[in-house]
Amino acid sequence: MIKQAGWIDFFHKLPSGVFANEQVRAVCQQKIEAGIISRDDNPVSHFVVFFLPYNPATKQVYLVFNLKIANGLWLFPGGHIDQSESAKETLIREAREELGLKLNEEAIKPPFLNTHTKAKDSRKPCVDHYDIWYLIKTSGKDFVVTEEEFVKPQWVSLDKAKELVTEPTTTLALNKLSFYLF
């Protein structure tokens, strides 16, 4: 119940305009109120966290080619929420696991977007992901990328990222980021 109460509080503190649409907001609220957060709670439909590493000095984002999905897709790092984790705890764990990045929980800003994605990993039972998107400002100088998941990681301009990305919710995140930053 503590986990669910924390998620309800998290949901109610989200900034206005964070949801891709009203349907996403309504489904997220229903899932949180029912305690269906992680892949352990529901292997088919659950929350995930994505984060956009952004270098303010160069105005670039860090993209990775994710091999776990179909034939691979250009995406931002992220992953499934584990049992009893908060969104921030997932963000901290995924940033450490995927990029070797150490994040301070107090410095993490609220997410800037919440979307729904039809999952494309045929090796897992996932069908519906409710994506929580964070912006992480970083120089990236300390990144250590795990090659098991990613190839061709690179810093690119927002325009170049929009050329490479084909997944619709990642494109939406890039468009929202463009508006958010400029």
C-alpha atoms as a PDB file:
ATOM      1  CA  MET A   1       0.000   0.000   0.000  1.00  0.00           C
ATOM      2  CA  ILE A   2       2.953   2.351   0.641  1.00  0.00           C
ATOM      3  CA  LYS A   3       4.072   1.913  -2.972  1.00  0.00           C
ATOM      4  CA  GLN A   4       0.581   2.677  -4.281  1.00  0.00           C
ATOM      5  CA  ALA A   5       0.187   5.722  -2.015  1.00  0.00           C
ATOM      6  CA  GLY A   6       3.530   7.078  -3.258  1.00  0.00           C
ATOM      7  CA  TRP A   7       2.464   6.590  -6.873  1.00  0.00           C
ATOM      8  CA  ILE A   8      -0.892   8.311  -6.274  1.00  0.00           C
ATOM      9  CA  ASP A   9       0.979  11.266  -4.775  1.00  0.00           C
ATOM     10  CA  PHE A  10       3.403  11.235  -7.739  1.00  0.00           C
ATOM     11  CA  PHE A  11       0.496  11.213 -10.205  1.00  0.00           C
ATOM     12  CA  HIS A  12      -1.265  14.165  -8.559  1.00  0.00           C
ATOM     13  CA  LYS A  13       1.942  16.230  -8.525  1.00  0.00           C
ATOM     14  CA  LEU A  14       2.628  15.833 -12.253  1.00  0.00           C
ATOM     15  CA  PRO A  15       2.743  19.157 -14.093  1.00  0.00           C
ATOM     16  CA  SER A  16      -0.250  20.101 -16.203  1.00  0.00           C
ATOM     17  CA  GLY A  17       0.210  19.231 -19.848  1.00  0.00           C
ATOM     18  CA  VAL A  18       2.494  16.266 -19.154  1.00  0.00           C
ATOM     19  CA  PHE A  19       0.099  13.683 -20.612  1.00  0.00           C
ATOM     20  CA  ALA A  20       0.115  12.972 -24.348  1.00  0.00           C
ATOM     21  CA  ASN A  21      -3.697  13.042 -24.259  1.00  0.00           C
ATOM     22  CA  GLU A  22      -6.665  12.605 -21.929  1.00  0.00           C
ATOM     23  CA  GLN A  23      -6.920   8.866 -22.592  1.00  0.00           C
ATOM     24  CA  VAL A  24      -3.319   8.332 -21.438  1.00  0.00           C
ATOM     25  CA  ARG A  25      -4.021  10.376 -18.287  1.00  0.00           C
ATOM     26  CA  ALA A  26      -7.157   8.363 -17.502  1.00  0.00           C
ATOM     27  CA  VAL A  27      -5.518   4.965 -18.031  1.00  0.00           C
ATOM     28  CA  CYS A  28      -2.480   5.976 -15.969  1.00  0.00           C
ATOM     29  CA  GLN A  29      -4.732   7.100 -13.128  1.00  0.00           C
ATOM     30  CA  GLN A  30      -6.692   3.827 -13.248  1.00  0.00           C
ATOM     31  CA  LYS A  31      -3.504   1.722 -13.257  1.00  0.00           C
ATOM     32  CA  ILE A  32      -1.983   3.656 -10.349  1.00  0.00           C
ATOM     33  CA  GLU A  33      -5.179   3.507  -8.279  1.00  0.00           C
ATOM     34  CA  ALA A  34      -5.333  -0.264  -8.932  1.00  0.00           C
ATOM     35  CA  GLY A  35      -1.662  -0.676  -7.968  1.00  0.00           C
ATOM     36  CA  ILE A  36      -0.667  -1.899 -11.448  1.00  0.00           C
ATOM     37  CA  ILE A  37       2.700  -0.208 -11.858  1.00  0.00           C
ATOM     38  CA  SER A  38       5.466  -2.667 -12.695  1.00  0.00           C
ATOM     39  CA  ARG A  39       5.926  -5.550 -15.115  1.00  0.00           C
ATOM     40  CA  ASP A  40       5.594  -7.817 -12.049  1.00  0.00           C
ATOM     41  CA  ASP A  41       2.144  -6.344 -11.374  1.00  0.00           C
ATOM     42  CA  ASN A  42       1.034  -6.894 -14.991  1.00  0.00           C
ATOM     43  CA  PRO A  43       3.485  -8.330 -17.561  1.00  0.00           C
ATOM     44  CA  VAL A  44       1.347  -7.099 -20.471  1.00  0.00           C
ATOM     45  CA  SER A  45       0.558  -3.487 -19.477  1.00  0.00           C
ATOM     46  CA  HIS A  46       2.725  -1.401 -17.133  1.00  0.00           C
ATOM     47  CA  PHE A  47       4.830   1.732 -16.658  1.00  0.00           C
ATOM     48  CA  VAL A  48       8.354   2.326 -17.956  1.00  0.00           C
ATOM     49  CA  VAL A  49      10.765   5.232 -17.580  1.00  0.00           C
ATOM     50  CA  PHE A  50      12.682   6.905 -20.410  1.00  0.00           C
ATOM     51  CA  PHE A  51      15.193   9.682 -20.016  1.00  0.00           C
ATOM     52  CA  LEU A  52      16.635  12.124 -22.504  1.00  0.00           C
ATOM     53  CA  PRO A  53      20.256  12.984 -21.773  1.00  0.00           C
ATOM     54  CA  TYR A  54      20.627  16.586 -22.921  1.00  0.00           C
ATOM     55  CA  ASN A  55      23.826  18.621 -23.077  1.00  0.00           C
ATOM     56  CA  PRO A  56      22.863  22.310 -22.654  1.00  0.00           C
ATOM     57  CA  ALA A  57      26.310  23.508 -23.794  1.00  0.00           C
ATOM     58  CA  THR A  58      26.094  21.756 -27.180  1.00  0.00           C
ATOM     59  CA  LYS A  59      22.281  21.599 -27.394  1.00  0.00           C
ATOM     60  CA  GLN A  60      22.481  17.896 -28.230  1.00  0.00           C
ATOM     61  CA  VAL A  61      20.654  14.770 -27.065  1.00  0.00           C
ATOM     62  CA  TYR A  62      22.158  11.336 -26.550  1.00  0.00           C
ATOM     63  CA  LEU A  63      20.515   8.651 -28.689  1.00  0.00           C
ATOM     64  CA  VAL A  64      21.169   4.929 -28.657  1.00  0.00           C
ATOM     65  CA  PHE A  65      20.263   2.237 -31.161  1.00  0.00           C
ATOM     66  CA  ASN A  66      18.386  -0.295 -29.022  1.00  0.00           C
ATOM     67  CA  LEU A  67      18.886  -3.878 -30.179  1.00  0.00           C
ATOM     68  CA  LYS A  68      16.246  -5.363 -27.865  1.00  0.00           C
ATOM     69  CA  ILE A  69      13.370  -4.058 -29.957  1.00  0.00           C
ATOM     70  CA  ALA A  70      12.386  -5.772 -33.236  1.00  0.00           C
ATOM     71  CA  ASN A  71      15.201  -5.003 -35.701  1.00  0.00           C
ATOM     72  CA  GLY A  72      16.425  -2.169 -33.518  1.00  0.00           C
ATOM     73  CA  LEU A  73      15.241   1.388 -33.037  1.00  0.00           C
ATOM     74  CA  TRP A  74      16.817   4.741 -32.249  1.00  0.00           C
ATOM     75  CA  LEU A  75      15.594   5.535 -28.751  1.00  0.00           C
ATOM     76  CA  PHE A  76      16.578   7.174 -25.522  1.00  0.00           C
ATOM     77  CA  PRO A  77      17.742   5.080 -22.557  1.00  0.00           C
ATOM     78  CA  GLY A  78      15.166   3.740 -20.151  1.00  0.00           C
ATOM     79  CA  GLY A  79      13.531   0.627 -18.832  1.00  0.00           C
ATOM     80  CA  HIS A  80      10.867  -1.162 -16.866  1.00  0.00           C
ATOM     81  CA  ILE A  81       9.912  -0.181 -13.354  1.00  0.00           C
ATOM     82  CA  ASP A  82      10.797  -2.935 -10.907  1.00  0.00           C
ATOM     83  CA  GLN A  83       8.488  -4.110  -8.140  1.00  0.00           C
ATOM     84  CA  SER A  84       8.145  -1.486  -5.361  1.00  0.00           C
ATOM     85  CA  GLU A  85      10.215   1.139  -7.240  1.00  0.00           C
ATOM     86  CA  SER A  86       9.197   4.743  -7.700  1.00  0.00           C
ATOM     87  CA  ALA A  87       9.651   6.431 -11.067  1.00  0.00           C
ATOM     88  CA  LYS A  88      12.663   8.333  -9.686  1.00  0.00           C
ATOM     89  CA  GLU A  89      14.224   5.132  -8.332  1.00  0.00           C
ATOM     90  CA  THR A  90      13.800   3.531 -11.754  1.00  0.00           C
ATOM     91  CA  LEU A  91      15.361   6.566 -13.431  1.00  0.00           C
ATOM     92  CA  ILE A  92      18.350   6.432 -11.068  1.00  0.00           C
ATOM     93  CA  ARG A  93      18.806   2.668 -11.573  1.00  0.00           C
ATOM     94  CA  GLU A  94      18.436   2.781 -15.360  1.00  0.00           C
ATOM     95  CA  ALA A  95      20.809   5.774 -15.699  1.00  0.00           C
ATOM     96  CA  ARG A  96      23.406   3.869 -13.658  1.00  0.00           C
ATOM     97  CA  GLU A  97      22.902   0.531 -15.468  1.00  0.00           C
ATOM     98  CA  GLU A  98      22.748   1.875 -19.010  1.00  0.00           C
ATOM     99  CA  LEU A  99      25.096   4.881 -18.931  1.00  0.00           C
ATOM    100  CA  GLY A 100      27.056   4.585 -15.687  1.00  0.00           C
ATOM    101  CA  LEU A 101      25.491   7.910 -14.692  1.00  0.00           C
ATOM    102  CA  LYS A 102      25.023   8.687 -10.996  1.00  0.00           C
ATOM    103  CA  LEU A 103      21.931  10.830 -10.400  1.00  0.00           C
ATOM    104  CA  ASN A 104      20.981  12.628  -7.214  1.00  0.00           C
ATOM    105  CA  GLU A 105      17.280  12.048  -6.470  1.00  0.00           C
ATOM    106  CA  GLU A 106      16.795  15.575  -5.123  1.00  0.00           C
ATOM    107  CA  ALA A 107      18.113  17.104  -8.367  1.00  0.00           C
ATOM    108  CA  ILE A 108      15.654  15.219 -10.590  1.00  0.00           C
ATOM    109  CA  LYS A 109      12.982  17.469 -12.069  1.00  0.00           C
ATOM    110  CA  PRO A 110       9.416  16.216 -12.640  1.00  0.00           C
ATOM    111  CA  PRO A 111       8.794  14.309 -15.861  1.00  0.00           C
ATOM    112  CA  PHE A 112       7.963  16.405 -18.900  1.00  0.00           C
ATOM    113  CA  LEU A 113       5.795  13.839 -20.721  1.00  0.00           C
ATOM    114  CA  ASN A 114       3.716  10.693 -20.197  1.00  0.00           C
ATOM    115  CA  THR A 115       2.853   8.611 -23.277  1.00  0.00           C
ATOM    116  CA  HIS A 116       1.457   5.241 -24.320  1.00  0.00           C
ATOM    117  CA  THR A 117       3.527   2.934 -26.538  1.00  0.00           C
ATOM    118  CA  LYS A 118       2.606  -0.365 -28.134  1.00  0.00           C
ATOM    119  CA  ALA A 119       5.653  -2.451 -27.177  1.00  0.00           C
ATOM    120  CA  LYS A 120       7.568  -4.151 -29.986  1.00  0.00           C
ATOM    121  CA  ASP A 121       9.796  -6.647 -28.169  1.00  0.00           C
ATOM    122  CA  SER A 122       8.583 -10.090 -29.296  1.00  0.00           C
ATOM    123  CA  ARG A 123      10.722 -11.792 -26.617  1.00  0.00           C
ATOM    124  CA  LYS A 124       8.574 -10.320 -23.827  1.00  0.00           C
ATOM    125  CA  PRO A 125       4.817 -10.388 -23.157  1.00  0.00           C
ATOM    126  CA  CYS A 126       4.698  -6.566 -23.057  1.00  0.00           C
ATOM    127  CA  VAL A 127       1.948  -4.998 -25.137  1.00  0.00           C
ATOM    128  CA  ASP A 128       1.267  -1.619 -23.515  1.00  0.00           C
ATOM    129  CA  HIS A 129       3.889   0.655 -22.008  1.00  0.00           C
ATOM    130  CA  TYR A 130       2.919   3.831 -20.191  1.00  0.00           C
ATOM    131  CA  ASP A 131       6.091   5.859 -20.592  1.00  0.00           C
ATOM    132  CA  ILE A 132       7.257   8.426 -18.056  1.00  0.00           C
ATOM    133  CA  TRP A 133       9.771  10.778 -19.730  1.00  0.00           C
ATOM    134  CA  TYR A 134      12.491  12.686 -17.873  1.00  0.00           C
ATOM    135  CA  LEU A 135      14.997  15.260 -19.116  1.00  0.00           C
ATOM    136  CA  ILE A 136      18.498  14.824 -17.679  1.00  0.00           C
ATOM    137  CA  LYS A 137      20.923  17.681 -18.253  1.00  0.00           C
ATOM    138  CA  THR A 138      24.451  16.298 -18.478  1.00  0.00           C
ATOM    139  CA  SER A 139      27.711  16.697 -20.341  1.00  0.00           C
ATOM    140  CA  GLY A 140      27.873  12.926 -20.726  1.00  0.00           C
ATOM    141  CA  LYS A 141      31.610  12.923 -20.093  1.00  0.00           C
ATOM    142  CA  ASP A 142      31.283  10.048 -17.616  1.00  0.00           C
ATOM    143  CA  PHE A 143      28.983   7.807 -19.688  1.00  0.00           C
ATOM    144  CA  VAL A 144      29.793   4.100 -19.785  1.00  0.00           C
ATOM    145  CA  VAL A 145      27.431   2.486 -22.301  1.00  0.00           C
ATOM    146  CA  THR A 146      26.399  -1.161 -22.067  1.00  0.00           C
ATOM    147  CA  GLU A 147      26.974  -2.702 -25.488  1.00  0.00           C
ATOM    148  CA  GLU A 148      24.612  -5.602 -24.736  1.00  0.00           C
ATOM    149  CA  GLU A 149      21.640  -3.349 -25.409  1.00  0.00           C
ATOM    150  CA  PHE A 150      22.948  -0.442 -27.430  1.00  0.00           C
ATOM    151  CA  VAL A 151      25.097   0.171 -30.464  1.00  0.00           C
ATOM    152  CA  LYS A 152      26.030   3.431 -32.171  1.00  0.00           C
ATOM    153  CA  PRO A 153      25.343   5.677 -29.157  1.00  0.00           C
ATOM    154  CA  GLN A 154      25.835   9.285 -30.138  1.00  0.00           C
ATOM    155  CA  TRP A 155      25.251  12.899 -29.285  1.00  0.00           C
ATOM    156  CA  VAL A 156      23.142  14.526 -32.008  1.00  0.00           C
ATOM    157  CA  SER A 157      21.282  17.780 -32.558  1.00  0.00           C
ATOM    158  CA  LEU A 158      17.533  17.771 -32.018  1.00  0.00           C
ATOM    159  CA  ASP A 159      17.059  18.037 -35.796  1.00  0.00           C
ATOM    160  CA  LYS A 160      19.305  15.007 -36.425  1.00  0.00           C
ATOM    161  CA  ALA A 161      17.510  13.063 -33.672  1.00  0.00           C
ATOM    162  CA  LYS A 162      14.193  13.787 -35.401  1.00  0.00           C
ATOM    163  CA  GLU A 163      15.650  12.333 -38.621  1.00  0.00           C
ATOM    164  CA  LEU A 164      16.874   9.140 -36.928  1.00  0.00           C
ATOM    165  CA  VAL A 165      13.914   8.409 -34.662  1.00  0.00           C
ATOM    166  CA  THR A 166      11.009   6.505 -36.219  1.00  0.00           C
ATOM    167  CA  GLU A 167       9.105   5.424 -33.096  1.00  0.00           C
ATOM    168  CA  PRO A 168       6.051   7.760 -32.687  1.00  0.00           C
ATOM    169  CA  THR A 169       6.175   8.372 -28.916  1.00  0.00           C
ATOM    170  CA  THR A 170       9.919   9.063 -29.041  1.00  0.00           C
ATOM    171  CA  THR A 171       9.212  11.564 -31.825  1.00  0.00           C
ATOM    172  CA  LEU A 172       6.534  13.135 -29.617  1.00  0.00           C
ATOM    173  CA  ALA A 173       9.070  13.385 -26.774  1.00  0.00           C
ATOM    174  CA  LEU A 174      11.558  15.101 -29.101  1.00  0.00           C
ATOM    175  CA  ASN A 175       8.921  17.565 -30.272  1.00  0.00           C
ATOM    176  CA  LYS A 176       7.862  18.341 -26.703  1.00  0.00           C
ATOM    177  CA  LEU A 177      11.515  18.700 -25.707  1.00  0.00           C
ATOM    178  CA  SER A 178      12.076  21.188 -28.540  1.00  0.00           C
ATOM    179  CA  PHE A 179       9.189  23.273 -27.246  1.00  0.00           C
ATOM    180  CA  TYR A 180      10.289  22.860 -23.616  1.00  0.00           C
ATOM    181  CA  LEU A 181      13.881  23.982 -24.225  1.00  0.00           C
ATOM    182  CA  PHE A 182      13.359  26.842 -26.647  1.00  0.00           C
END
